[in-house]
Amino acid sequence: MEFILRKLIFAEIAIAEVTGNSPRPGIVTGTSKSLKTILDDLTGFSIGLGVSIAVIVIIYAAFLMMFAGGDAEKFGTGKKTIFYAVAGLAVLLFSAAIVEIIRRLVGI
């Protein structure tokens, strides 16, 4: 029960810091974040997460290829997996560029 109460209190503090509105008088809040800062944080987090997942998938595919044991089908599966992981990275970087272009067009 104590764990749940702590999570609720920290969630309330986090919401107060983002919005700049204190739901209770005793909570100290920071400054509210601008839309640009929120977009930067969100873009940075998603790129970091996507790159991390792609690296893990590439390592997994390399193990598939190394331990194929002469089986052409397993080796081909590893090659395809690496190709798709690299393609996913390209899409991820392209989407980050699109977000930046839209941000500049809108003026954020």
Protein backbone atom coordinates (compact mmCIF):
# COMPACT_ATOMS: atom_id res chain seq x y z
CA MET A 1 0.00 0.00 0.00
CA GLU A 2 2.84 2.36 0.83
CA PHE A 3 4.33 1.72 -2.62
CA ILE A 4 1.09 2.79 -4.32
CA LEU A 5 0.82 5.92 -2.20
CA ARG A 6 4.40 6.92 -3.08
CA LYS A 7 3.68 6.46 -6.79
CA LEU A 8 0.57 8.61 -6.56
CA ILE A 9 2.40 11.37 -4.70
CA PHE A 10 5.28 11.37 -7.19
CA ALA A 11 2.84 11.39 -10.09
CA GLU A 12 1.09 14.39 -8.58
CA ILE A 13 4.41 16.21 -8.20
CA ALA A 14 5.42 15.34 -11.79
CA ILE A 15 2.12 16.67 -13.16
CA ALA A 16 2.54 19.82 -11.09
CA GLU A 17 6.04 20.36 -12.48
CA VAL A 18 4.95 19.97 -16.09
CA THR A 19 1.84 22.14 -15.86
CA GLY A 20 3.21 24.66 -13.37
CA ASN A 21 -0.02 24.39 -11.36
CA SER A 22 0.25 23.18 -7.81
CA PRO A 23 -2.69 20.89 -6.97
CA ARG A 24 -1.93 21.31 -3.28
CA PRO A 25 -0.38 24.32 -1.52
CA GLY A 26 2.51 22.33 -0.05
CA ILE A 27 3.93 21.09 -3.36
CA VAL A 28 6.79 23.08 -4.81
CA THR A 29 6.63 23.17 -8.58
CA GLY A 30 9.18 24.13 -11.20
CA THR A 31 8.61 26.18 -14.29
CA SER A 32 6.29 24.84 -16.95
CA LYS A 33 7.94 23.41 -20.04
CA SER A 34 7.44 24.98 -23.43
CA LEU A 35 6.11 23.01 -26.38
CA LYS A 36 9.57 23.07 -27.95
CA THR A 37 11.14 21.52 -24.85
CA ILE A 38 8.47 18.85 -24.68
CA LEU A 39 8.94 18.01 -28.39
CA ASP A 40 12.71 17.89 -27.93
CA ASP A 41 12.39 15.57 -24.95
CA LEU A 42 9.88 13.33 -26.71
CA THR A 43 11.89 13.18 -29.94
CA GLY A 44 15.12 12.47 -28.08
CA PHE A 45 13.52 9.74 -26.01
CA SER A 46 11.91 8.03 -29.00
CA ILE A 47 15.11 8.14 -31.05
CA GLY A 48 17.12 6.75 -28.15
CA LEU A 49 14.60 3.98 -27.58
CA GLY A 50 14.42 3.14 -31.28
CA VAL A 51 18.19 3.02 -31.69
CA SER A 52 18.51 0.82 -28.60
CA ILE A 53 15.91 -1.61 -29.90
CA ALA A 54 17.55 -1.68 -33.35
CA VAL A 55 20.95 -2.48 -31.83
CA ILE A 56 19.45 -5.32 -29.80
CA VAL A 57 17.72 -6.70 -32.92
CA ILE A 58 20.95 -6.47 -34.94
CA ILE A 59 22.86 -8.34 -32.23
CA TYR A 60 20.11 -10.99 -32.14
CA ALA A 61 20.27 -11.35 -35.92
CA ALA A 62 24.06 -11.67 -35.80
CA PHE A 63 23.68 -14.53 -33.32
CA LEU A 64 21.16 -16.16 -35.64
CA MET A 65 23.68 -15.96 -38.45
CA MET A 66 26.61 -17.16 -36.35
CA PHE A 67 24.75 -20.16 -34.96
CA ALA A 68 23.00 -21.12 -38.19
CA GLY A 69 25.24 -24.17 -38.41
CA GLY A 70 25.21 -24.24 -42.19
CA ASP A 71 21.42 -23.91 -42.38
CA ALA A 72 20.80 -21.49 -45.22
CA GLU A 73 17.30 -20.68 -43.99
CA LYS A 74 18.48 -19.54 -40.54
CA PHE A 75 21.31 -17.55 -42.10
CA GLY A 76 18.85 -15.89 -44.49
CA THR A 77 16.53 -15.06 -41.58
CA GLY A 78 19.44 -13.33 -39.84
CA LYS A 79 20.28 -11.35 -42.98
CA LYS A 80 16.67 -10.25 -43.42
CA THR A 81 16.42 -9.26 -39.77
CA ILE A 82 19.53 -7.08 -40.04
CA PHE A 83 18.17 -5.50 -43.22
CA TYR A 84 14.85 -4.70 -41.56
CA ALA A 85 16.56 -3.30 -38.46
CA VAL A 86 18.69 -0.98 -40.58
CA ALA A 87 15.61 0.03 -42.59
CA GLY A 88 13.83 0.77 -39.30
CA LEU A 89 16.74 2.98 -38.24
CA ALA A 90 16.51 4.86 -41.51
CA VAL A 91 12.76 5.42 -41.02
CA LEU A 92 13.41 6.56 -37.45
CA LEU A 93 15.98 9.13 -38.52
CA PHE A 94 13.77 10.25 -41.39
CA SER A 95 10.85 10.76 -39.01
CA ALA A 96 13.06 12.86 -36.72
CA ALA A 97 13.93 15.02 -39.73
CA ILE A 98 10.24 15.41 -40.58
CA VAL A 99 9.49 16.54 -37.01
CA GLU A 100 12.27 19.12 -37.27
CA ILE A 101 11.00 20.38 -40.64
CA ILE A 102 7.44 20.73 -39.33
CA ARG A 103 8.72 22.47 -36.21
CA ARG A 104 10.58 25.04 -38.31
CA LEU A 105 7.61 25.58 -40.62
CA VAL A 106 5.25 26.14 -37.69
CA GLY A 107 7.82 28.24 -35.85
CA ILE A 108 8.11 26.27 -32.62
